Amino acid sequence: MTARCVMVLGTSSGAGKSLLATALCRWYARQGFKVAPFKAQNMSNNARVVAGGEIGAAQYFQALAAQAEPDVRMNPLLLKPESDTHSQVVLLGQVDEALSRQPWRGRSASVWPVLAQSLDALRSECEVVVIEGAGSPAEINLRDSDVVNMRVAAHGDAQCLLVTDIDRGGAFAHLYGTWALLDAGERGRIRGFVLNKFRGDAALLAPGPQLLEQLTGVPTVATLPMWRQHGLPEEDGFFHPLSPAPDATRQLTVAVIAYPRISNLDEFQPLANIPGVQLLWARTPAQLAQADWIVLPGSKHTSGDLAWLRARRLDAAVARHAAAGRPVLGICGGLQMLGEALIDPHGIDGNGPGLGLLPLVTVFEAGKTVARTTAVFGQVAGAWSALAGIALQGYEIHHGRTAQHPAMGPALPVMERALAWQNAQGNVLGVYLHGLFESPAVLQALFGAGVPTLETVFDGLADYADRHFASGVLRRLLQA
């Protein structure tokens, strides 16, 4: 096989590339094609464990939408920000320390052969590859070092859609400006414009699309209505406002602390889909005071996020919540924060005192644990007792080993292989496994409810594309 490539570009980050690429993966798969997703370079702390290591969460979900087994070639270069000026570089699923130390612009020559070979391999195995770009292809300051947008489009001979977020305003200018900043050969790859997140009467768009086509020769092939409840996790950022509107149906508020280097936040999307549950991304003590549950999520820089948490007095708010016997959950880096201390002999993350809610100590190691894991909750007490006996299929992505503090009373292990503990009172639980709220058994046990399956979400996205793209456009992209 030599797959035809369909590429989704955007006028900016957040324009809707990931959502549209996921929809197209399922749409083409439902037409009977063998499909794979591809994004040459992704910058995200939302990662999933797949065959060969880790990739960005968006490509993991796109692979599932394409009915393909996720693997590292689908996102061969993953940048995981650790600070405003430094990222951990993951190449073909594995951390590459040498590339992590290399200046941004200097990496292109080193990584391009691997990215091109990954795309070539997927094309040789499939009939359609749906490629997602990054940011905007018109970042002229990055043109010489581009390894993710038009260089990929040219290498894969891709037919491209350019999507913009019309809800931000200025959509026609964004589309025209992006198109105008491409060179002539690159412009010829743009087969259609897509207006995303539209609200209102579509008739009011005229004559905008027609005038834009006169200027560029490119038709507007879809106007996608605003759809907030599609059920797919965002590639990055938050699913809901930090301060959501009051909800009269709310029965339970779950506050997830949104520290700066939060990671794997996509695993909380199912909570947003449960009736009566309000998911709150919290950054102030006042927000935590509203919560029934407090969750400390994963972190790409545990000690740094812990320092941020203390600087905002969130540590005291968490302590008050726990002292009142109310539920606290820590996942991965959040589990490490709940302990007594972080010890970093190799300069991986940083030393520091923990929150002291579990008698545990974490020692950061040079090696990184990246694994898909299945484990069973043992005896679980108190607020989390409904989890007892549930088998959890999840994944681990962390530096560090966590163990009992030798001079303190024991924490209660509630999962084999040192994967989870709780305090004696039973209200504070720490778990190393990501994916807790993606388990139907866990959701049923904790909330008495299920949520739409991913298959339902993917089919809904394909139906959405089917309804709103001009007839025949998606098929013609394979024939251009």
Protein backbone atom coordinates (compact mmCIF):
# COMPACT_ATOMS: atom_id res chain seq x y z
CA MET A 1 0.00 0.00 0.00
CA THR A 2 0.96 3.65 -0.47
CA ALA A 3 -1.60 5.61 1.49
CA ARG A 4 -3.10 8.87 0.33
CA CYS A 5 -2.54 11.59 2.92
CA VAL A 6 -5.21 14.02 4.10
CA MET A 7 -3.83 16.77 6.32
CA VAL A 8 -5.63 19.06 8.76
CA LEU A 9 -3.91 22.42 9.21
CA GLY A 10 -5.06 25.26 11.43
CA THR A 11 -4.83 29.02 11.42
CA SER A 12 -3.74 28.83 15.08
CA SER A 13 -3.51 26.51 18.03
CA GLY A 14 -6.97 25.63 19.31
CA ALA A 15 -8.60 26.04 15.91
CA GLY A 16 -9.97 22.48 15.98
CA LYS A 17 -7.31 20.40 14.21
CA SER A 18 -7.34 17.50 16.67
CA LEU A 19 -11.12 17.22 16.74
CA LEU A 20 -11.40 17.31 12.95
CA ALA A 21 -8.52 14.85 12.44
CA THR A 22 -10.16 12.43 14.86
CA ALA A 23 -13.48 12.76 13.05
CA LEU A 24 -11.79 12.08 9.70
CA CYS A 25 -9.98 9.02 11.08
CA ARG A 26 -13.32 7.45 11.96
CA TRP A 27 -15.05 8.72 8.80
CA TYR A 28 -12.47 7.12 6.48
CA ALA A 29 -12.36 3.95 8.58
CA ARG A 30 -16.14 3.63 8.19
CA GLN A 31 -15.71 3.83 4.42
CA GLY A 32 -13.71 0.61 4.64
CA PHE A 33 -10.20 2.10 4.36
CA LYS A 34 -7.24 1.02 6.46
CA VAL A 35 -6.41 4.27 8.26
CA ALA A 36 -3.66 5.59 10.53
CA PRO A 37 -3.17 9.03 12.15
CA PHE A 38 0.10 10.95 12.10
CA LYS A 39 1.45 14.07 13.79
CA ALA A 40 5.16 14.55 13.29
CA GLN A 41 5.71 16.72 16.34
CA ASN A 42 3.42 17.33 19.27
CA MET A 43 3.96 19.55 22.30
CA SER A 44 1.84 18.30 25.16
CA ASN A 45 2.03 16.87 28.65
CA ASN A 46 -0.97 14.70 27.84
CA ALA A 47 0.64 11.41 26.83
CA ARG A 48 -0.43 7.79 26.52
CA VAL A 49 1.55 4.57 26.73
CA VAL A 50 1.47 2.58 23.48
CA ALA A 51 3.54 -0.07 21.76
CA GLY A 52 7.11 1.23 21.89
CA GLY A 53 6.72 3.97 24.50
CA GLU A 54 4.62 7.12 24.73
CA ILE A 55 2.86 9.43 22.28
CA GLY A 56 0.60 12.44 22.54
CA ALA A 57 -2.89 11.63 23.78
CA ALA A 58 -4.52 13.14 20.68
CA GLN A 59 -2.83 10.64 18.37
CA TYR A 60 -3.72 7.82 20.75
CA PHE A 61 -7.40 8.71 20.45
CA GLN A 62 -7.07 9.23 16.70
CA ALA A 63 -5.62 5.74 16.35
CA LEU A 64 -8.58 4.29 18.24
CA ALA A 65 -10.93 6.30 16.02
CA ALA A 66 -9.13 4.86 12.98
CA GLN A 67 -9.58 1.36 14.44
CA ALA A 68 -5.79 1.00 14.45
CA GLU A 69 -3.37 -0.15 17.15
CA PRO A 70 -1.64 2.97 18.50
CA ASP A 71 2.14 3.01 18.11
CA VAL A 72 5.01 5.46 18.39
CA ARG A 73 5.28 6.13 14.64
CA MET A 74 1.96 7.98 14.79
CA ASN A 75 3.59 10.74 16.87
CA PRO A 76 7.33 10.18 16.52
CA LEU A 77 8.37 13.42 18.23
CA LEU A 78 6.73 14.46 21.50
CA LEU A 79 7.85 17.55 23.43
CA LYS A 80 6.79 17.56 27.10
CA PRO A 81 7.21 21.04 28.63
CA GLU A 82 8.95 21.08 32.01
CA SER A 83 9.32 24.88 32.21
CA ASP A 84 8.68 27.90 30.01
CA THR A 85 12.05 27.40 28.31
CA HIS A 86 12.70 23.65 28.41
CA SER A 87 10.96 20.49 27.26
CA GLN A 88 11.72 16.82 27.60
CA VAL A 89 12.10 15.34 24.11
CA VAL A 90 10.57 11.94 23.40
CA LEU A 91 11.65 10.42 20.08
CA LEU A 92 9.89 7.28 18.88
CA GLY A 93 8.42 6.80 22.33
CA GLN A 94 11.63 7.11 24.34
CA VAL A 95 13.19 10.06 26.19
CA ASP A 96 16.22 11.40 24.30
CA GLU A 97 18.39 13.37 26.74
CA ALA A 98 20.76 14.61 24.03
CA LEU A 99 17.91 16.10 22.01
CA SER A 100 16.39 17.53 25.19
CA ARG A 101 19.58 19.56 25.69
CA GLN A 102 19.79 20.66 22.06
CA PRO A 103 18.50 24.15 21.04
CA TRP A 104 15.03 24.15 19.46
CA ARG A 105 16.11 25.18 15.97
CA GLY A 106 19.01 22.74 15.96
CA ARG A 107 16.82 19.68 16.34
CA SER A 108 15.24 19.71 12.89
CA ALA A 109 18.13 18.14 11.01
CA SER A 110 18.48 15.47 13.69
CA VAL A 111 14.84 14.45 13.88
CA TRP A 112 13.55 14.92 10.32
CA PRO A 113 14.82 11.56 8.99
CA VAL A 114 13.02 9.74 11.81
CA LEU A 115 9.80 11.68 11.22
CA ALA A 116 9.89 11.08 7.47
CA GLN A 117 10.61 7.37 7.91
CA SER A 118 7.71 7.06 10.36
CA LEU A 119 5.28 8.59 7.88
CA ASP A 120 6.67 6.45 5.05
CA ALA A 121 6.20 3.31 7.15
CA LEU A 122 2.59 4.16 7.97
CA ARG A 123 1.86 4.92 4.30
CA SER A 124 3.30 1.55 3.28
CA GLU A 125 0.88 -0.23 5.63
CA CYS A 126 -2.30 1.80 5.11
CA GLU A 127 -4.63 3.24 2.50
CA VAL A 128 -5.27 6.60 4.20
CA VAL A 129 -3.11 8.56 6.64
CA VAL A 130 -4.83 11.48 8.39
CA ILE A 131 -2.13 13.98 9.31
CA GLU A 132 -2.51 16.71 11.90
CA GLY A 133 -0.41 19.86 11.73
CA ALA A 134 0.67 21.96 14.70
CA GLY A 135 -0.07 25.59 15.48
CA SER A 136 -0.16 27.39 12.16
CA PRO A 137 1.71 26.57 8.94
CA ALA A 138 2.26 30.31 8.40
CA GLU A 139 4.70 30.88 11.28
CA ILE A 140 7.30 32.45 8.99
CA ASN A 141 9.86 32.67 11.80
CA LEU A 142 9.82 28.86 12.00
CA ARG A 143 9.69 28.07 8.28
CA ASP A 144 13.36 27.03 8.05
CA SER A 145 12.98 24.57 10.93
CA ASP A 146 9.50 23.25 10.07
CA VAL A 147 9.13 19.52 10.64
CA VAL A 148 5.40 19.34 11.31
CA ASN A 149 3.40 21.38 8.78
CA MET A 150 4.17 22.06 5.11
CA ARG A 151 7.37 20.02 5.02
CA VAL A 152 5.31 17.02 6.11
CA ALA A 153 2.57 17.92 3.61
CA ALA A 154 5.10 17.94 0.78
CA HIS A 155 6.76 14.71 1.89
CA GLY A 156 3.42 12.90 2.04
CA ASP A 157 1.95 14.66 -1.01
CA ALA A 158 -0.95 15.57 1.27
CA GLN A 159 -4.20 17.25 0.31
CA CYS A 160 -4.88 19.80 3.04
CA LEU A 161 -7.84 21.33 4.83
CA LEU A 162 -7.31 24.62 6.69
CA VAL A 163 -9.53 25.05 9.74
CA THR A 164 -10.15 28.22 11.74
CA ASP A 165 -12.03 29.04 14.95
CA ILE A 166 -14.74 31.45 13.84
CA ASP A 167 -15.90 31.94 17.43
CA ARG A 168 -12.73 33.99 18.09
CA GLY A 169 -13.64 36.47 15.36
CA GLY A 170 -11.61 37.42 12.31
CA ALA A 171 -11.96 34.00 10.69
CA PHE A 172 -11.81 35.17 7.07
CA ALA A 173 -8.72 37.27 7.79
CA HIS A 174 -7.10 34.30 9.55
CA LEU A 175 -7.78 32.04 6.58
CA TYR A 176 -6.66 34.55 3.98
CA GLY A 177 -3.57 35.62 5.93
CA THR A 178 -2.46 32.03 6.48
CA TRP A 179 -2.98 31.17 2.81
CA ALA A 180 -1.15 34.34 1.67
CA LEU A 181 1.94 33.61 3.80
CA LEU A 182 2.43 30.19 2.19
CA ASP A 183 4.48 29.92 -0.96
CA ALA A 184 2.78 29.13 -4.26
CA GLY A 185 3.39 25.39 -4.14
CA GLU A 186 2.11 25.15 -0.57
CA ARG A 187 -1.04 27.12 -1.41
CA GLY A 188 -1.82 24.54 -4.09
CA ARG A 189 -2.15 21.88 -1.38
CA ILE A 190 -5.00 23.74 0.38
CA ARG A 191 -8.14 22.07 -0.98
CA GLY A 192 -10.70 23.57 1.36
CA PHE A 193 -11.33 26.00 4.19
CA VAL A 194 -13.27 24.89 7.29
CA LEU A 195 -15.08 27.28 9.63
CA ASN A 196 -15.20 25.71 13.10
CA LYS A 197 -17.19 26.55 16.25
CA PHE A 198 -19.86 28.52 14.39
CA ARG A 199 -22.85 29.88 16.31
CA GLY A 200 -25.83 31.51 14.67
CA ASP A 201 -27.49 31.64 11.26
CA ALA A 202 -25.10 30.27 8.60
CA ALA A 203 -26.86 32.38 5.98
CA LEU A 204 -25.24 35.46 7.54
CA LEU A 205 -21.81 34.21 6.44
CA ALA A 206 -22.54 35.17 2.84
CA PRO A 207 -20.89 36.59 0.84
CA GLY A 208 -17.75 35.92 2.91
CA PRO A 209 -16.97 32.40 1.68
CA GLN A 210 -17.63 33.39 -1.93
CA LEU A 211 -15.37 36.47 -1.74
CA LEU A 212 -12.66 34.42 -0.04
CA GLU A 213 -12.82 31.87 -2.85
CA GLN A 214 -12.50 34.66 -5.42
CA LEU A 215 -9.32 35.85 -3.66
CA THR A 216 -7.73 32.44 -3.14
CA GLY A 217 -9.38 29.91 -5.43
CA VAL A 218 -10.10 27.78 -2.34
CA PRO A 219 -13.71 26.89 -1.47
CA THR A 220 -15.14 26.81 2.04
CA VAL A 221 -16.09 23.15 2.28
CA ALA A 222 -17.58 22.97 5.79
CA THR A 223 -19.10 25.12 8.49
CA LEU A 224 -18.99 23.17 11.74
CA PRO A 225 -21.42 24.30 14.43
CA MET A 226 -20.20 24.87 17.97
CA TRP A 227 -20.34 21.50 19.78
CA ARG A 228 -19.17 21.48 23.38
CA GLN A 229 -20.40 18.06 24.43
CA HIS A 230 -18.72 15.93 21.78
CA GLY A 231 -17.01 13.88 24.51
CA LEU A 232 -13.46 13.93 23.11
CA PRO A 233 -10.73 15.23 25.43
CA GLU A 234 -9.05 18.39 24.27
CA GLU A 235 -5.47 17.95 23.07
CA ASP A 236 -4.30 20.56 25.55
CA GLY A 237 -5.84 23.06 27.92
CA PHE A 238 -8.97 22.67 29.99
CA PHE A 239 -12.29 21.16 29.03
CA HIS A 240 -14.34 23.75 30.90
CA PRO A 241 -13.87 27.25 32.29
CA LEU A 242 -11.89 27.54 35.53
CA SER A 243 -15.03 29.04 37.10
CA PRO A 244 -18.05 27.25 35.58
CA ALA A 245 -21.55 28.65 35.83
CA PRO A 246 -23.67 27.42 38.75
CA ASP A 247 -25.37 24.12 38.02
CA ALA A 248 -28.74 23.52 39.66
CA THR A 249 -28.45 19.77 38.99
CA ARG A 250 -25.07 19.51 40.71
CA GLN A 251 -24.83 16.72 43.26
CA LEU A 252 -21.04 16.48 43.51
CA THR A 253 -18.23 18.94 42.77
CA VAL A 254 -14.84 17.45 41.89
CA ALA A 255 -12.04 20.04 42.02
CA VAL A 256 -8.91 19.15 40.06
CA ILE A 257 -6.01 21.40 41.01
CA ALA A 258 -4.79 23.01 37.78
CA TYR A 259 -1.13 23.61 38.49
CA PRO A 260 1.11 25.00 35.71
CA ARG A 261 2.70 21.68 34.65
CA ILE A 262 -0.43 19.56 34.96
CA SER A 263 -0.20 16.41 32.86
CA ASN A 264 -2.57 13.74 31.56
CA LEU A 265 -5.57 15.93 32.28
CA ASP A 266 -7.45 14.21 29.44
CA GLU A 267 -8.20 11.32 31.79
CA PHE A 268 -10.73 13.50 33.64
CA GLN A 269 -12.96 14.06 30.61
CA PRO A 270 -15.41 11.30 31.68
CA LEU A 271 -16.21 13.26 34.85
CA ALA A 272 -17.50 16.11 32.72
CA ASN A 273 -19.96 13.73 31.05
CA ILE A 274 -21.61 12.40 34.24
CA PRO A 275 -24.97 14.01 35.10
CA GLY A 276 -24.88 15.76 38.45
CA VAL A 277 -21.06 15.97 38.59
CA GLN A 278 -19.43 19.37 38.24
CA LEU A 279 -15.79 19.28 37.18
CA LEU A 280 -13.93 22.31 38.50
CA TRP A 281 -10.36 23.27 37.54
CA ALA A 282 -9.17 24.93 40.73
CA ARG A 283 -6.40 27.47 41.28
CA THR A 284 -7.54 29.23 44.46
CA PRO A 285 -8.37 28.17 48.03
CA ALA A 286 -11.89 29.57 47.54
CA GLN A 287 -12.46 27.16 44.65
CA LEU A 288 -11.29 24.22 46.76
CA ALA A 289 -13.67 25.27 49.52
CA GLN A 290 -16.58 24.56 47.13
CA ALA A 291 -15.41 21.01 46.43
CA ASP A 292 -16.70 17.70 47.68
CA TRP A 293 -13.61 15.95 46.32
CA ILE A 294 -10.14 17.35 45.71
CA VAL A 295 -7.92 15.72 43.08
CA LEU A 296 -4.19 16.31 42.71
CA PRO A 297 -3.51 15.21 39.11
CA GLY A 298 -0.29 14.24 37.36
CA SER A 299 2.52 16.75 36.96
CA LYS A 300 5.45 17.05 34.59
CA HIS A 301 7.39 18.90 37.31
CA THR A 302 6.22 17.64 40.68
CA SER A 303 8.43 19.74 42.94
CA GLY A 304 7.80 22.89 40.91
CA ASP A 305 4.04 22.43 40.93
CA LEU A 306 4.16 21.66 44.65
CA ALA A 307 5.99 24.95 45.24
CA TRP A 308 3.35 26.73 43.13
CA LEU A 309 0.60 25.09 45.18
CA ARG A 310 2.19 26.29 48.43
CA ALA A 311 2.73 29.83 47.15
CA ARG A 312 -1.03 30.09 46.60
CA ARG A 313 -1.89 28.56 49.99
CA LEU A 314 -3.61 25.66 48.30
CA ASP A 315 -1.63 23.31 50.57
CA ALA A 316 -3.50 24.62 53.60
CA ALA A 317 -6.83 24.29 51.79
CA VAL A 318 -6.08 20.66 50.90
CA ALA A 319 -5.02 19.96 54.50
CA ARG A 320 -8.25 21.46 55.88
CA HIS A 321 -10.30 19.40 53.46
CA ALA A 322 -8.49 16.19 54.46
CA ALA A 323 -8.66 16.99 58.20
CA ALA A 324 -12.43 17.30 57.87
CA GLY A 325 -12.52 13.70 56.59
CA ARG A 326 -13.41 14.71 53.04
CA PRO A 327 -12.05 12.78 50.04
CA VAL A 328 -8.65 13.63 48.55
CA LEU A 329 -7.19 11.76 45.58
CA GLY A 330 -3.66 12.01 44.21
CA ILE A 331 -2.74 10.50 40.82
CA CYS A 332 0.90 9.89 39.85
CA GLY A 333 2.64 13.23 40.58
CA GLY A 334 -0.32 14.05 42.82
CA LEU A 335 0.37 10.87 44.80
CA GLN A 336 4.01 11.94 45.17
CA MET A 337 2.88 15.34 46.50
CA LEU A 338 0.69 13.71 49.16
CA GLY A 339 3.72 12.09 50.77
CA GLU A 340 6.25 13.42 53.28
CA ALA A 341 9.16 14.18 50.99
CA LEU A 342 10.55 14.28 47.45
CA ILE A 343 14.20 13.22 47.19
CA ASP A 344 16.10 13.85 43.97
CA PRO A 345 19.65 12.47 43.95
CA HIS A 346 19.98 12.68 40.14
CA GLY A 347 18.65 16.19 39.47
CA ILE A 348 15.56 14.88 37.73
CA ASP A 349 12.80 16.94 39.34
CA GLY A 350 13.90 18.60 42.60
CA ASN A 351 13.86 18.00 46.34
CA GLY A 352 11.19 19.23 48.68
CA PRO A 353 8.78 18.46 51.49
CA GLY A 354 5.46 16.91 50.57
CA LEU A 355 2.00 17.72 51.90
CA GLY A 356 2.32 15.10 54.63
CA LEU A 357 -1.07 13.48 54.09
CA LEU A 358 0.41 10.02 53.44
CA PRO A 359 3.51 8.63 55.24
CA LEU A 360 5.41 8.05 51.99
CA VAL A 361 8.70 9.15 50.47
CA THR A 362 9.41 9.43 46.73
CA VAL A 363 12.94 9.07 45.37
CA PHE A 364 13.35 10.25 41.78
CA GLU A 365 15.39 7.88 39.64
CA ALA A 366 17.27 8.45 36.41
CA GLY A 367 15.10 5.88 34.61
CA LYS A 368 11.51 6.59 33.63
CA THR A 369 8.66 4.14 34.10
CA VAL A 370 6.48 3.94 30.98
CA ALA A 371 4.13 0.97 31.02
CA ARG A 372 0.61 -0.21 30.39
CA THR A 373 -0.51 -1.87 33.59
CA THR A 374 -3.42 -3.90 34.90
CA ALA A 375 -3.86 -4.12 38.66
CA VAL A 376 -6.60 -4.87 41.16
CA PHE A 377 -7.66 -2.77 44.12
CA GLY A 378 -7.46 -4.75 47.34
CA GLN A 379 -9.25 -3.82 50.54
CA VAL A 380 -10.10 -0.13 50.37
CA ALA A 381 -11.63 1.68 53.34
CA GLY A 382 -13.59 4.84 53.98
CA ALA A 383 -14.61 7.22 51.22
CA TRP A 384 -13.01 5.08 48.51
CA SER A 385 -14.30 1.68 49.70
CA ALA A 386 -16.41 1.22 46.55
CA LEU A 387 -13.15 0.60 44.65
CA ALA A 388 -12.39 -2.61 46.53
CA GLY A 389 -11.86 -5.55 44.20
CA ILE A 390 -12.02 -3.54 40.95
CA ALA A 391 -9.48 -4.41 38.26
CA LEU A 392 -8.04 -1.28 36.66
CA GLN A 393 -6.42 -1.15 33.23
CA GLY A 394 -4.28 1.96 33.12
CA TYR A 395 -0.83 3.26 32.36
CA GLU A 396 2.21 4.55 34.23
CA ILE A 397 4.37 7.49 33.12
CA HIS A 398 6.60 8.69 35.93
CA HIS A 399 10.05 9.15 37.35
CA GLY A 400 10.48 8.06 40.94
CA ARG A 401 9.74 5.21 43.31
CA THR A 402 7.47 5.70 46.30
CA ALA A 403 7.70 3.76 49.55
CA GLN A 404 6.76 3.91 53.22
CA HIS A 405 8.52 6.52 55.33
CA PRO A 406 10.75 4.40 57.59
CA ALA A 407 10.17 6.52 60.73
CA MET A 408 6.40 6.90 60.50
CA GLY A 409 3.34 4.79 60.95
CA PRO A 410 2.40 2.75 57.89
CA ALA A 411 0.28 3.86 55.00
CA LEU A 412 -2.23 1.25 53.90
CA PRO A 413 -1.32 -0.35 50.55
CA VAL A 414 -4.50 -0.90 48.55
CA MET A 415 -3.01 -2.14 45.28
CA GLU A 416 -0.28 -4.60 44.44
CA ARG A 417 3.24 -3.60 43.36
CA ALA A 418 3.24 -0.36 45.38
CA LEU A 419 0.75 1.29 43.02
CA ALA A 420 -1.72 2.76 45.56
CA TRP A 421 -1.99 3.69 49.25
CA GLN A 422 -4.48 5.35 51.55
CA ASN A 423 -4.35 6.89 54.99
CA ALA A 424 -5.68 5.20 58.14
CA GLN A 425 -8.84 7.33 58.11
CA GLY A 426 -9.57 6.21 54.57
CA ASN A 427 -10.31 9.57 52.96
CA VAL A 428 -6.90 10.20 51.33
CA LEU A 429 -5.98 7.93 48.42
CA GLY A 430 -2.91 7.99 46.20
CA VAL A 431 -2.71 5.99 42.94
CA TYR A 432 0.16 5.72 40.47
CA LEU A 433 -2.01 4.41 37.64
CA HIS A 434 -3.53 6.88 35.20
CA GLY A 435 -6.93 6.05 33.75
CA LEU A 436 -9.01 5.62 36.90
CA PHE A 437 -11.99 7.57 35.57
CA GLU A 438 -11.81 5.88 32.17
CA SER A 439 -12.83 2.57 33.73
CA PRO A 440 -16.57 1.80 33.41
CA ALA A 441 -16.35 -0.32 36.55
CA VAL A 442 -14.86 2.56 38.54
CA LEU A 443 -17.47 5.02 37.27
CA GLN A 444 -20.25 2.63 38.15
CA ALA A 445 -18.82 2.00 41.62
CA LEU A 446 -18.19 5.65 42.50
CA PHE A 447 -21.08 7.36 40.73
CA GLY A 448 -23.59 4.65 39.87
CA ALA A 449 -23.36 5.86 36.31
CA GLY A 450 -21.81 5.16 32.98
CA VAL A 451 -20.65 7.59 30.31
CA PRO A 452 -20.67 7.36 26.52
CA THR A 453 -18.06 4.92 25.27
CA LEU A 454 -15.22 6.13 23.07
CA GLU A 455 -16.75 4.21 20.18
CA THR A 456 -19.91 6.26 20.58
CA VAL A 457 -17.84 9.45 20.68
CA PHE A 458 -15.89 8.55 17.53
CA ASP A 459 -19.01 7.59 15.59
CA GLY A 460 -20.63 10.84 16.68
CA LEU A 461 -17.66 12.80 15.33
CA ALA A 462 -17.81 10.97 12.00
CA ASP A 463 -21.54 11.68 11.75
CA TYR A 464 -20.81 15.36 12.52
CA ALA A 465 -18.34 15.52 9.63
CA ASP A 466 -20.77 13.71 7.36
CA ARG A 467 -23.52 16.23 8.07
CA HIS A 468 -21.52 19.41 7.66
CA PHE A 469 -18.99 18.83 4.88
CA ALA A 470 -20.09 19.55 1.34
CA SER A 471 -21.10 16.38 -0.47
CA GLY A 472 -18.22 14.40 -1.91
CA VAL A 473 -15.43 16.60 -0.53
CA LEU A 474 -13.87 14.01 1.76
CA ARG A 475 -13.82 11.36 -0.96
CA ARG A 476 -12.30 13.77 -3.46
CA LEU A 477 -9.40 14.50 -1.13
CA LEU A 478 -8.21 10.96 -1.84
CA GLN A 479 -8.39 11.48 -5.60
CA ALA A 480 -6.77 14.90 -5.97
